Amino acid sequence: MGSGFKTFTAASVLTAADLNNYCQNQSVMYFATTTARDAAITSPVKGMVAYVGSSDSSEGLYTYGTSWRKGPGWNAPWGAMGLHKLTSANATAATHTTLQANGLTTTFNAVSNRNYKLTMTAHPQANGGANNYTCNIYVNGVSAAGLLEMYVNTGQPTTVVLTGYYTTTATASMTVAGYHAAFGTNTQVTDQGGANLVRFLMVEDIGPSGAPV
């Protein structure tokens, strides 16, 4: 096992232990925790690779690009970034309002130039004198381009499953994704929910859309 990270300066003595522990025994640096890694490598550079053996959720292989990122690097999908499940009771929107499935939102750190897949399930039912409404996934308060919208024309309970794609630009930001249903005149809607009728929203990173910023 390697010893971590060491900066050699002019006139330093290179011992056998140094050569073995910092070069021969490690092509990947090893640290017990991310805190130990950050304390040792105060000025990381692109291309560094480190393994954290913390025996918890932080354990794994990290690569450094613009920050330490767990996993195989920029060109690979990073997987689930946000997940929110609801088992709460029914939520009802008043006439001419927008229902957000009683708080079905998730917040994730949207990295610049990445593609995200958003998937949601809800169980709306129109009532109040009309039978039509639209459901969509939104990002940061508005329906994002490329995210599916479903038109529902029934007053019966309906399970709505939507999948859409969101591509970030050169500006990264903390992003809130969610679901809402917009209703027509005189339409009221109830989103069915409970312990056995789960609603969920998941955000997955599916790969790069451009170069790291």
Protein backbone atom coordinates (compact mmCIF):
# COMPACT_ATOMS: atom_id res chain seq x y z
CA MET A 1 0.00 0.00 0.00
CA GLY A 2 1.28 3.47 -0.84
CA SER A 3 1.95 6.16 1.73
CA GLY A 4 -0.17 8.97 0.31
CA PHE A 5 1.37 12.10 -1.16
CA LYS A 6 4.70 13.83 -0.64
CA THR A 7 6.26 16.88 -2.24
CA PHE A 8 9.98 16.45 -2.87
CA THR A 9 12.12 19.57 -2.79
CA ALA A 10 15.61 20.36 -4.04
CA ALA A 11 18.33 18.48 -2.12
CA SER A 12 15.82 16.11 -0.52
CA VAL A 13 17.19 12.67 0.26
CA LEU A 14 15.34 10.01 -1.73
CA THR A 15 15.31 6.94 0.49
CA ALA A 16 14.43 3.41 -0.50
CA ALA A 17 11.26 3.68 1.57
CA ASP A 18 10.29 6.87 -0.29
CA LEU A 19 10.85 5.24 -3.67
CA ASN A 20 8.90 2.13 -2.72
CA ASN A 21 6.00 3.82 -0.95
CA TYR A 22 5.50 6.90 -3.12
CA CYS A 23 6.42 5.45 -6.53
CA GLN A 24 6.72 1.71 -6.88
CA ASN A 25 3.88 0.65 -4.58
CA GLN A 26 1.37 3.17 -5.82
CA SER A 27 0.26 4.23 -9.22
CA VAL A 28 -2.85 5.38 -7.33
CA MET A 29 -2.50 7.34 -4.08
CA TYR A 30 -4.22 5.86 -1.03
CA PHE A 31 -5.84 7.78 1.83
CA ALA A 32 -7.93 6.67 4.78
CA THR A 33 -10.45 9.50 4.31
CA THR A 34 -11.27 12.34 1.94
CA THR A 35 -10.22 14.71 4.73
CA ALA A 36 -6.75 13.12 4.83
CA ARG A 37 -6.53 13.38 1.04
CA ASP A 38 -7.44 17.06 1.00
CA ALA A 39 -5.04 17.84 3.83
CA ALA A 40 -2.17 16.15 2.00
CA ILE A 41 -2.94 17.45 -1.49
CA THR A 42 -3.63 21.14 -1.04
CA SER A 43 -3.09 22.01 -4.71
CA PRO A 44 -4.35 19.07 -6.79
CA VAL A 45 -3.76 19.08 -10.54
CA LYS A 46 -5.71 17.51 -13.40
CA GLY A 47 -5.07 13.81 -13.86
CA MET A 48 -4.45 12.89 -10.22
CA VAL A 49 -6.03 9.62 -9.07
CA ALA A 50 -6.61 8.63 -5.45
CA TYR A 51 -8.34 5.80 -3.63
CA VAL A 52 -10.14 6.51 -0.35
CA GLY A 53 -10.50 3.44 1.87
CA SER A 54 -12.80 4.90 4.50
CA SER A 55 -15.20 1.90 4.76
CA ASP A 56 -18.21 4.20 4.37
CA SER A 57 -20.12 5.94 1.56
CA SER A 58 -17.01 7.98 0.67
CA GLU A 59 -14.90 4.93 -0.15
CA GLY A 60 -13.89 4.58 -3.76
CA LEU A 61 -11.69 5.75 -6.61
CA TYR A 62 -11.46 9.50 -7.27
CA THR A 63 -10.08 11.41 -10.24
CA TYR A 64 -9.27 15.10 -10.31
CA GLY A 65 -10.38 17.34 -13.16
CA THR A 66 -11.86 20.59 -11.92
CA SER A 67 -12.66 18.91 -8.59
CA TRP A 68 -12.33 15.49 -6.97
CA ARG A 69 -14.96 13.29 -8.59
CA LYS A 70 -15.71 9.73 -7.51
CA GLY A 71 -15.80 7.28 -10.37
CA PRO A 72 -14.20 6.71 -13.75
CA GLY A 73 -13.93 10.30 -14.91
CA TRP A 74 -15.47 12.94 -17.15
CA ASN A 75 -16.37 10.76 -20.14
CA ALA A 76 -18.46 8.24 -18.20
CA PRO A 77 -22.00 8.43 -16.79
CA TRP A 78 -22.06 9.31 -13.10
CA GLY A 79 -25.38 7.66 -12.29
CA ALA A 80 -28.07 8.81 -9.89
CA MET A 81 -27.66 12.42 -8.74
CA GLY A 82 -31.01 12.97 -7.03
CA LEU A 83 -33.91 10.83 -5.88
CA HIS A 84 -37.09 11.77 -4.05
CA LYS A 85 -39.85 9.34 -3.09
CA LEU A 86 -43.18 10.31 -1.60
CA THR A 87 -45.48 8.06 0.38
CA SER A 88 -47.58 10.91 1.78
CA ALA A 89 -51.35 11.10 1.51
CA ASN A 90 -53.31 12.60 -1.39
CA ALA A 91 -52.67 16.22 -2.38
CA THR A 92 -55.37 18.37 -3.98
CA ALA A 93 -54.89 21.60 -5.93
CA ALA A 94 -57.55 24.29 -5.93
CA THR A 95 -59.17 25.36 -9.19
CA HIS A 96 -56.84 27.05 -11.74
CA THR A 97 -53.65 26.21 -9.83
CA THR A 98 -50.65 23.98 -10.40
CA LEU A 99 -50.17 20.86 -8.33
CA GLN A 100 -46.62 19.82 -7.49
CA ALA A 101 -47.49 16.33 -6.29
CA ASN A 102 -47.28 17.50 -2.68
CA GLY A 103 -43.57 18.36 -2.82
CA LEU A 104 -42.22 15.92 -5.39
CA THR A 105 -38.92 17.70 -6.06
CA THR A 106 -35.24 16.88 -5.80
CA THR A 107 -32.17 19.12 -5.66
CA PHE A 108 -28.93 18.13 -7.36
CA ASN A 109 -25.63 19.80 -8.22
CA ALA A 110 -25.86 20.30 -11.98
CA VAL A 111 -22.30 20.23 -13.33
CA SER A 112 -21.48 22.25 -16.45
CA ASN A 113 -21.77 20.52 -19.85
CA ARG A 114 -23.51 17.34 -18.66
CA ASN A 115 -26.63 15.46 -19.79
CA TYR A 116 -29.24 14.48 -17.23
CA LYS A 117 -32.14 12.05 -17.51
CA LEU A 118 -35.19 12.80 -15.39
CA THR A 119 -37.85 10.19 -14.66
CA MET A 120 -41.00 10.66 -12.60
CA THR A 121 -44.14 8.81 -11.61
CA ALA A 122 -47.28 10.39 -10.15
CA HIS A 123 -50.96 9.48 -9.90
CA PRO A 124 -53.17 12.50 -10.75
CA GLN A 125 -56.93 12.50 -11.08
CA ALA A 126 -58.95 15.39 -12.52
CA ASN A 127 -62.20 16.38 -10.89
CA GLY A 128 -64.23 19.53 -10.31
CA GLY A 129 -66.10 19.49 -13.59
CA ALA A 130 -63.40 18.85 -16.19
CA ASN A 131 -61.35 15.90 -17.37
CA ASN A 132 -58.19 17.28 -18.93
CA TYR A 133 -54.81 18.53 -17.78
CA THR A 134 -51.14 18.38 -18.75
CA CYS A 135 -48.27 16.98 -16.70
CA ASN A 136 -44.61 17.82 -17.14
CA ILE A 137 -41.21 17.70 -15.52
CA TYR A 138 -39.64 21.07 -14.81
CA VAL A 139 -36.17 22.35 -13.95
CA ASN A 140 -35.62 25.47 -11.84
CA GLY A 141 -39.26 26.42 -11.90
CA VAL A 142 -39.99 26.10 -15.62
CA SER A 143 -40.59 23.25 -18.00
CA ALA A 144 -37.23 22.62 -19.65
CA ALA A 145 -36.72 22.03 -23.36
CA GLY A 146 -36.61 18.33 -24.19
CA LEU A 147 -38.64 17.28 -21.14
CA LEU A 148 -41.77 15.34 -21.94
CA GLU A 149 -45.28 16.63 -21.38
CA MET A 150 -48.32 14.39 -21.20
CA TYR A 151 -51.89 15.46 -21.97
CA VAL A 152 -54.43 13.53 -19.94
CA ASN A 153 -58.08 13.48 -20.96
CA THR A 154 -59.86 11.47 -18.30
CA GLY A 155 -61.39 12.02 -14.92
CA GLN A 156 -60.22 8.63 -13.69
CA PRO A 157 -57.07 8.10 -11.58
CA THR A 158 -54.11 7.84 -13.95
CA THR A 159 -50.52 6.73 -13.36
CA VAL A 160 -48.31 9.17 -15.24
CA VAL A 161 -44.73 8.19 -16.08
CA LEU A 162 -42.55 10.81 -17.76
CA THR A 163 -38.92 10.72 -18.89
CA GLY A 164 -37.02 13.73 -20.15
CA TYR A 165 -33.52 15.04 -20.76
CA TYR A 166 -31.84 18.17 -19.46
CA THR A 167 -28.49 19.46 -20.74
CA THR A 168 -26.53 21.98 -18.72
CA THR A 169 -24.62 24.86 -20.28
CA ALA A 170 -21.21 26.26 -19.39
CA THR A 171 -22.65 27.54 -16.11
CA ALA A 172 -23.13 24.98 -13.37
CA SER A 173 -25.70 25.56 -10.66
CA MET A 174 -27.67 23.94 -7.90
CA THR A 175 -30.75 22.73 -9.75
CA VAL A 176 -34.23 21.82 -8.58
CA ALA A 177 -36.17 19.35 -10.69
CA GLY A 178 -39.78 18.53 -10.07
CA TYR A 179 -43.16 17.60 -11.47
CA HIS A 180 -46.29 19.61 -11.93
CA ALA A 181 -49.65 19.35 -13.62
CA ALA A 182 -51.39 22.35 -15.19
CA PHE A 183 -55.16 22.36 -15.40
CA GLY A 184 -57.82 23.90 -17.59
CA THR A 185 -60.81 25.99 -16.65
CA ASN A 186 -62.84 24.68 -13.72
CA THR A 187 -60.46 21.77 -13.24
CA GLN A 188 -59.41 20.60 -9.83
CA VAL A 189 -57.01 17.70 -9.41
CA THR A 190 -55.97 15.27 -6.73
CA ASP A 191 -52.65 13.47 -6.84
CA GLN A 192 -53.19 10.06 -5.30
CA GLY A 193 -50.56 8.94 -2.82
CA GLY A 194 -49.86 6.76 0.17
CA ALA A 195 -47.67 4.02 1.57
CA ASN A 196 -48.74 1.64 -1.21
CA LEU A 197 -48.94 4.27 -3.95
CA VAL A 198 -45.47 5.74 -4.16
CA ARG A 199 -44.59 8.77 -6.29
CA PHE A 200 -40.98 9.32 -7.23
CA LEU A 201 -38.62 11.56 -9.18
CA MET A 202 -35.07 10.53 -10.13
CA VAL A 203 -32.26 12.47 -11.80
CA GLU A 204 -29.45 10.50 -13.49
CA ASP A 205 -26.23 11.79 -15.05
CA ILE A 206 -25.89 10.02 -18.42
CA GLY A 207 -22.64 11.53 -19.67
CA PRO A 208 -20.95 14.67 -20.99
CA SER A 209 -22.35 17.13 -23.52
CA GLY A 210 -19.07 18.99 -23.95
CA ALA A 211 -15.68 19.58 -22.38
CA PRO A 212 -15.09 20.16 -18.66
CA VAL A 213 -15.32 23.81 -17.67
